[in-house]
N, C-alpha and C. Protein backbone atom coordinates (compact mmCIF):
# COMPACT_ATOMS: atom_id res chain seq x y z
N UNK A 1 -28.47 -27.57 -54.43
CA UNK A 1 -28.13 -25.80 -53.83
C UNK A 1 -26.56 -25.79 -53.55
N UNK A 2 -26.09 -26.65 -52.55
CA UNK A 2 -25.56 -27.14 -51.49
C UNK A 2 -24.04 -26.75 -52.94
N UNK A 3 -24.02 -28.11 -54.05
CA UNK A 3 -22.82 -28.06 -55.19
C UNK A 3 -23.09 -26.62 -55.55
N UNK A 4 -23.86 -25.82 -56.03
CA UNK A 4 -24.18 -24.54 -56.43
C UNK A 4 -23.17 -23.46 -55.78
N UNK A 5 -23.49 -23.45 -54.37
CA UNK A 5 -23.42 -22.62 -53.42
C UNK A 5 -21.68 -22.65 -52.93
N UNK A 6 -21.26 -23.81 -53.57
CA UNK A 6 -19.93 -24.20 -52.94
C UNK A 6 -18.76 -23.40 -54.15
N UNK A 7 -19.54 -23.47 -55.96
CA UNK A 7 -19.38 -23.27 -56.79
C UNK A 7 -18.90 -21.82 -56.34
N UNK A 8 -20.05 -20.53 -55.77
CA UNK A 8 -20.02 -19.88 -56.23
C UNK A 8 -19.06 -18.95 -55.28
N UNK A 9 -19.17 -19.81 -54.31
CA UNK A 9 -17.95 -19.44 -52.44
C UNK A 9 -16.49 -19.32 -53.44
N UNK A 10 -16.17 -20.41 -53.96
CA UNK A 10 -14.76 -20.54 -54.64
C UNK A 10 -14.37 -19.81 -55.72
N UNK A 11 -15.98 -19.07 -56.64
CA UNK A 11 -15.59 -18.12 -57.59
C UNK A 11 -15.62 -16.54 -57.19
N UNK A 12 -16.02 -16.46 -56.37
CA UNK A 12 -16.13 -15.23 -55.60
C UNK A 12 -14.48 -15.54 -54.76
N UNK A 13 -14.25 -16.20 -53.80
CA UNK A 13 -13.12 -16.18 -53.31
C UNK A 13 -11.79 -15.83 -53.86
N UNK A 14 -11.29 -16.50 -55.17
CA UNK A 14 -10.63 -16.24 -56.50
C UNK A 14 -10.71 -15.15 -57.05
N UNK A 15 -11.53 -14.54 -57.47
CA UNK A 15 -12.52 -13.43 -57.86
C UNK A 15 -11.70 -12.26 -57.31
N UNK A 16 -11.84 -12.37 -55.82
CA UNK A 16 -12.77 -11.05 -55.04
C UNK A 16 -11.14 -9.87 -54.70
N UNK A 17 -9.60 -10.59 -55.50
CA UNK A 17 -9.13 -9.69 -55.07
C UNK A 17 -9.09 -8.53 -56.69
N UNK A 18 -9.80 -7.34 -55.91
CA UNK A 18 -9.44 -6.65 -57.91
C UNK A 18 -10.84 -5.76 -58.21
N UNK A 19 -10.66 -5.24 -59.46
CA UNK A 19 -11.97 -4.50 -59.54
C UNK A 19 -13.23 -5.69 -60.06
N UNK A 20 -13.93 -6.42 -58.90
CA UNK A 20 -15.22 -7.46 -59.75
C UNK A 20 -16.51 -7.03 -59.27
N UNK A 21 -16.18 -5.91 -57.92
CA UNK A 21 -17.86 -5.77 -57.65
C UNK A 21 -19.33 -6.18 -58.85
N UNK A 22 -19.13 -5.18 -59.78
CA UNK A 22 -20.36 -5.48 -60.95
C UNK A 22 -19.95 -6.66 -61.03
N UNK A 23 -18.71 -7.32 -61.66
CA UNK A 23 -19.13 -8.68 -62.08
C UNK A 23 -20.03 -8.98 -60.91
N UNK A 24 -19.76 -9.64 -60.07
CA UNK A 24 -20.19 -9.97 -58.63
C UNK A 24 -21.82 -9.60 -58.61
N UNK A 25 -22.27 -8.56 -58.81
CA UNK A 25 -23.61 -8.26 -58.77
C UNK A 25 -24.38 -8.37 -60.04
N UNK A 26 -23.43 -8.56 -61.13
CA UNK A 26 -24.35 -9.43 -62.51
C UNK A 26 -24.16 -11.42 -62.39
N UNK A 27 -23.42 -11.56 -61.46
CA UNK A 27 -23.36 -12.95 -61.21
C UNK A 27 -24.85 -13.16 -60.22
N UNK A 28 -25.03 -12.63 -59.30
CA UNK A 28 -26.35 -12.57 -58.33
C UNK A 28 -27.34 -12.41 -59.30
N UNK A 29 -27.43 -11.30 -59.94
CA UNK A 29 -28.44 -11.48 -60.91
C UNK A 29 -28.70 -12.44 -61.80
N UNK A 30 -27.88 -12.87 -62.71
CA UNK A 30 -27.66 -14.36 -63.22
C UNK A 30 -28.08 -15.63 -62.42
N UNK A 31 -27.82 -15.55 -61.69
CA UNK A 31 -27.46 -16.87 -60.67
C UNK A 31 -29.25 -17.03 -60.24
N UNK A 32 -30.06 -15.49 -59.78
CA UNK A 32 -31.26 -15.75 -58.94
C UNK A 32 -32.09 -15.70 -60.48
N UNK A 33 -31.65 -15.76 -61.71
CA UNK A 33 -32.65 -15.56 -62.91
C UNK A 33 -32.67 -17.11 -63.63
N UNK A 34 -31.57 -17.73 -63.25
CA UNK A 34 -31.25 -19.18 -63.60
C UNK A 34 -32.22 -20.43 -62.26
N UNK A 35 -32.85 -20.18 -60.73
CA UNK A 35 -32.40 -20.50 -60.32
C UNK A 35 -34.12 -20.58 -60.27
N UNK A 36 -35.01 -20.05 -60.55
CA UNK A 36 -36.01 -19.29 -60.68
C UNK A 36 -36.70 -19.86 -61.72
N UNK A 37 -35.66 -19.79 -62.36
CA UNK A 37 -36.15 -20.28 -64.31
C UNK A 37 -36.49 -21.93 -63.99
N UNK A 38 -35.30 -22.25 -62.93
CA UNK A 38 -35.11 -23.84 -62.76
C UNK A 38 -36.22 -24.10 -61.66
N UNK A 39 -36.58 -23.56 -61.07
CA UNK A 39 -38.32 -23.94 -60.00
C UNK A 39 -39.08 -23.54 -60.80
N UNK A 40 -39.56 -22.74 -61.77
CA UNK A 40 -40.81 -22.73 -62.48
C UNK A 40 -40.80 -23.47 -63.25
N UNK A 41 -39.45 -24.32 -64.05
CA UNK A 41 -39.66 -25.73 -64.69
C UNK A 41 -39.93 -26.64 -64.08
N UNK A 42 -39.57 -26.65 -63.12
CA UNK A 42 -39.56 -27.79 -62.37
C UNK A 42 -41.25 -28.37 -61.47
N UNK A 43 -41.45 -27.21 -61.38
CA UNK A 43 -42.87 -27.11 -60.56
C UNK A 43 -44.11 -26.39 -61.72
N UNK A 44 -43.93 -26.83 -62.75
CA UNK A 44 -45.02 -25.77 -63.94
C UNK A 44 -46.19 -25.67 -63.01
N UNK A 45 -46.80 -26.45 -62.22
CA UNK A 45 -48.67 -26.45 -61.56
C UNK A 45 -48.24 -24.81 -60.72
N UNK A 46 -47.52 -25.27 -60.29
CA UNK A 46 -47.59 -24.09 -59.22
C UNK A 46 -47.24 -22.53 -59.89
N UNK A 47 -48.19 -21.30 -59.06
CA UNK A 47 -48.18 -20.14 -59.41
C UNK A 47 -46.85 -19.55 -58.65
N UNK A 48 -46.37 -18.30 -58.98
CA UNK A 48 -45.18 -17.24 -59.21
C UNK A 48 -45.33 -17.56 -57.47
N UNK A 49 -46.19 -17.33 -56.97
CA UNK A 49 -46.46 -16.87 -55.94
C UNK A 49 -46.12 -17.85 -54.36
N UNK A 50 -46.70 -19.32 -54.72
CA UNK A 50 -46.63 -20.38 -54.66
C UNK A 50 -44.88 -20.77 -54.67
N UNK A 51 -44.44 -20.90 -55.19
CA UNK A 51 -43.26 -20.67 -55.30
C UNK A 51 -42.01 -19.80 -54.58
N UNK A 52 -42.77 -18.61 -54.52
CA UNK A 52 -41.88 -17.49 -53.88
C UNK A 52 -42.36 -17.97 -52.12
N UNK A 53 -42.97 -18.23 -51.91
CA UNK A 53 -43.50 -18.53 -50.41
C UNK A 53 -43.15 -19.87 -49.68
N UNK A 54 -42.69 -20.70 -50.86
CA UNK A 54 -42.38 -22.65 -50.23
C UNK A 54 -40.80 -22.14 -50.67
N UNK A 55 -39.97 -21.63 -51.52
CA UNK A 55 -38.62 -21.77 -51.74
C UNK A 55 -38.18 -20.67 -51.47
N UNK A 56 -38.50 -19.04 -51.37
CA UNK A 56 -38.16 -18.39 -51.31
C UNK A 56 -37.97 -17.67 -49.69
N UNK A 57 -38.55 -18.11 -48.98
CA UNK A 57 -38.92 -18.17 -47.49
C UNK A 57 -40.14 -16.73 -47.38
N UNK A 58 -40.96 -16.45 -48.69
CA UNK A 58 -42.17 -15.38 -48.69
C UNK A 58 -40.74 -13.92 -49.39
N UNK A 59 -40.12 -14.59 -49.53
CA UNK A 59 -39.36 -13.20 -50.07
C UNK A 59 -38.84 -13.11 -51.81
N UNK A 60 -37.20 -12.47 -51.63
CA UNK A 60 -37.03 -12.70 -53.24
C UNK A 60 -36.07 -13.81 -53.35
N UNK A 61 -35.27 -13.79 -52.25
CA UNK A 61 -33.76 -14.55 -52.28
C UNK A 61 -34.21 -16.66 -51.95
N UNK A 62 -33.56 -16.70 -52.53
CA UNK A 62 -33.76 -18.62 -52.94
C UNK A 62 -33.33 -19.28 -51.12
N UNK A 63 -34.28 -19.58 -50.53
CA UNK A 63 -33.87 -20.22 -49.19
C UNK A 63 -34.58 -21.24 -48.50
N UNK A 64 -33.55 -22.14 -48.02
CA UNK A 64 -34.98 -23.97 -47.56
C UNK A 64 -34.35 -23.62 -46.03
N UNK A 65 -35.08 -24.73 -45.54
CA UNK A 65 -34.56 -24.55 -44.14
C UNK A 65 -33.06 -25.00 -43.37
N UNK A 66 -32.17 -25.47 -44.94
CA UNK A 66 -31.22 -25.58 -44.74
C UNK A 66 -29.62 -25.10 -45.15
N UNK A 67 -30.32 -24.73 -46.38
CA UNK A 67 -29.10 -23.89 -47.06
C UNK A 67 -30.17 -22.41 -47.31
N UNK A 68 -28.82 -21.59 -47.57
CA UNK A 68 -29.69 -20.42 -48.52
C UNK A 68 -28.37 -20.00 -49.44
N UNK A 69 -29.41 -19.75 -51.12
CA UNK A 69 -28.26 -19.22 -52.15
C UNK A 69 -27.69 -18.52 -51.81
N UNK A 70 -26.16 -18.63 -51.70
CA UNK A 70 -24.96 -17.88 -52.00
C UNK A 70 -25.45 -16.66 -52.74
N UNK A 71 -24.99 -14.83 -51.81
CA UNK A 71 -25.47 -14.07 -52.66
C UNK A 71 -23.92 -13.64 -53.07
N UNK A 72 -23.56 -13.40 -54.28
CA UNK A 72 -22.02 -13.04 -54.55
C UNK A 72 -21.57 -11.42 -54.73
N UNK A 73 -23.04 -10.89 -54.47
CA UNK A 73 -22.92 -9.32 -54.28
C UNK A 73 -22.45 -8.70 -53.01
N UNK A 74 -22.47 -10.37 -52.07
CA UNK A 74 -22.41 -9.01 -51.02
C UNK A 74 -20.65 -9.84 -50.41
N UNK A 75 -19.88 -9.81 -51.66
CA UNK A 75 -18.34 -10.96 -51.06
C UNK A 75 -17.41 -9.21 -51.37
N UNK A 76 -17.29 -8.76 -50.26
CA UNK A 76 -16.07 -7.41 -50.04
C UNK A 76 -15.09 -8.16 -51.13
N UNK A 77 -14.74 -7.04 -52.29
CA UNK A 77 -13.53 -6.66 -52.99
C UNK A 77 -12.74 -6.42 -51.63
N UNK A 78 -11.40 -6.87 -52.03
CA UNK A 78 -10.21 -6.48 -52.31
C UNK A 78 -9.21 -5.96 -53.25
N UNK A 79 -8.46 -4.65 -52.89
CA UNK A 79 -8.08 -4.35 -54.21
C UNK A 79 -6.23 -4.51 -53.77
N UNK A 80 -5.56 -4.39 -54.57
CA UNK A 80 -4.05 -4.71 -54.38
C UNK A 80 -3.41 -3.55 -54.13
N UNK A 81 -2.47 -3.43 -53.78
CA UNK A 81 -2.48 -1.87 -53.21
C UNK A 81 -1.40 -1.55 -54.17
N UNK A 82 -1.14 -0.14 -54.08
CA UNK A 82 0.41 0.28 -54.89
C UNK A 82 1.10 0.33 -54.27
N UNK A 83 2.32 -0.67 -54.35
CA UNK A 83 3.33 -0.91 -54.11
C UNK A 83 4.59 0.00 -54.79
N UNK A 84 3.87 0.49 -56.29
CA UNK A 84 5.57 1.13 -56.60
C UNK A 84 6.63 0.93 -56.95
N UNK A 85 7.67 1.60 -55.89
CA UNK A 85 9.10 1.44 -56.25
C UNK A 85 9.46 -0.37 -54.85
N UNK A 86 8.34 -0.17 -54.54
CA UNK A 86 8.75 -1.35 -53.80
C UNK A 86 8.62 -2.75 -54.51
N UNK A 87 8.23 -3.01 -55.74
CA UNK A 87 8.39 -3.79 -56.18
C UNK A 87 10.18 -4.24 -56.73
N UNK A 88 10.47 -5.16 -56.33
CA UNK A 88 11.62 -5.26 -57.08
C UNK A 88 11.72 -5.80 -57.88
N UNK A 89 13.04 -5.18 -58.36
CA UNK A 89 12.94 -5.57 -59.98
C UNK A 89 14.57 -6.62 -60.74
N UNK A 90 14.06 -7.55 -61.86
CA UNK A 90 14.60 -8.86 -61.92
C UNK A 90 16.14 -8.31 -62.51
N UNK A 91 15.94 -7.12 -62.71
CA UNK A 91 17.34 -6.49 -63.68
C UNK A 91 18.46 -5.62 -62.05
N UNK A 92 19.63 -5.77 -62.21
CA UNK A 92 20.70 -5.61 -61.42
C UNK A 92 21.16 -3.72 -61.50
N UNK A 93 20.49 -3.09 -60.70
CA UNK A 93 20.65 -2.31 -60.42
C UNK A 93 22.09 -1.23 -61.25
N UNK A 94 21.90 -0.48 -61.96
CA UNK A 94 23.08 0.33 -62.48
C UNK A 94 24.14 1.79 -61.49
N UNK A 95 23.36 1.93 -60.84
CA UNK A 95 23.99 2.91 -60.03
C UNK A 95 24.39 2.69 -59.33
C-alpha cells in the first residue's frame, strides 16, 4: 500500500489543477475495487466480514496499523484563475 499511496498522491497532486474532482471520485472507486478484489483473491478462505474487520478496521476503507490507503476524492481541486487581458501577447502591440 505504500507504493500505491505514493503513486496516487503524485497523480492527484499533478492533476489537481483544473476540473478533476469527478475523476478523483472515479479513481477512488476504482482503487477501492481493485484493492478489495486483490484481498479477496489473496485470502480466498476468509469471508468478506473477516476481511473488512482485519484490513479495513471494521469500516469500508482499507487501513492497517501503519498505513491508510490514500483517498483521491479528498484532494481539493484548484482552478486556474481567469486572467483575461493579463495574459501577455507574444506579438507586438500595433496601437
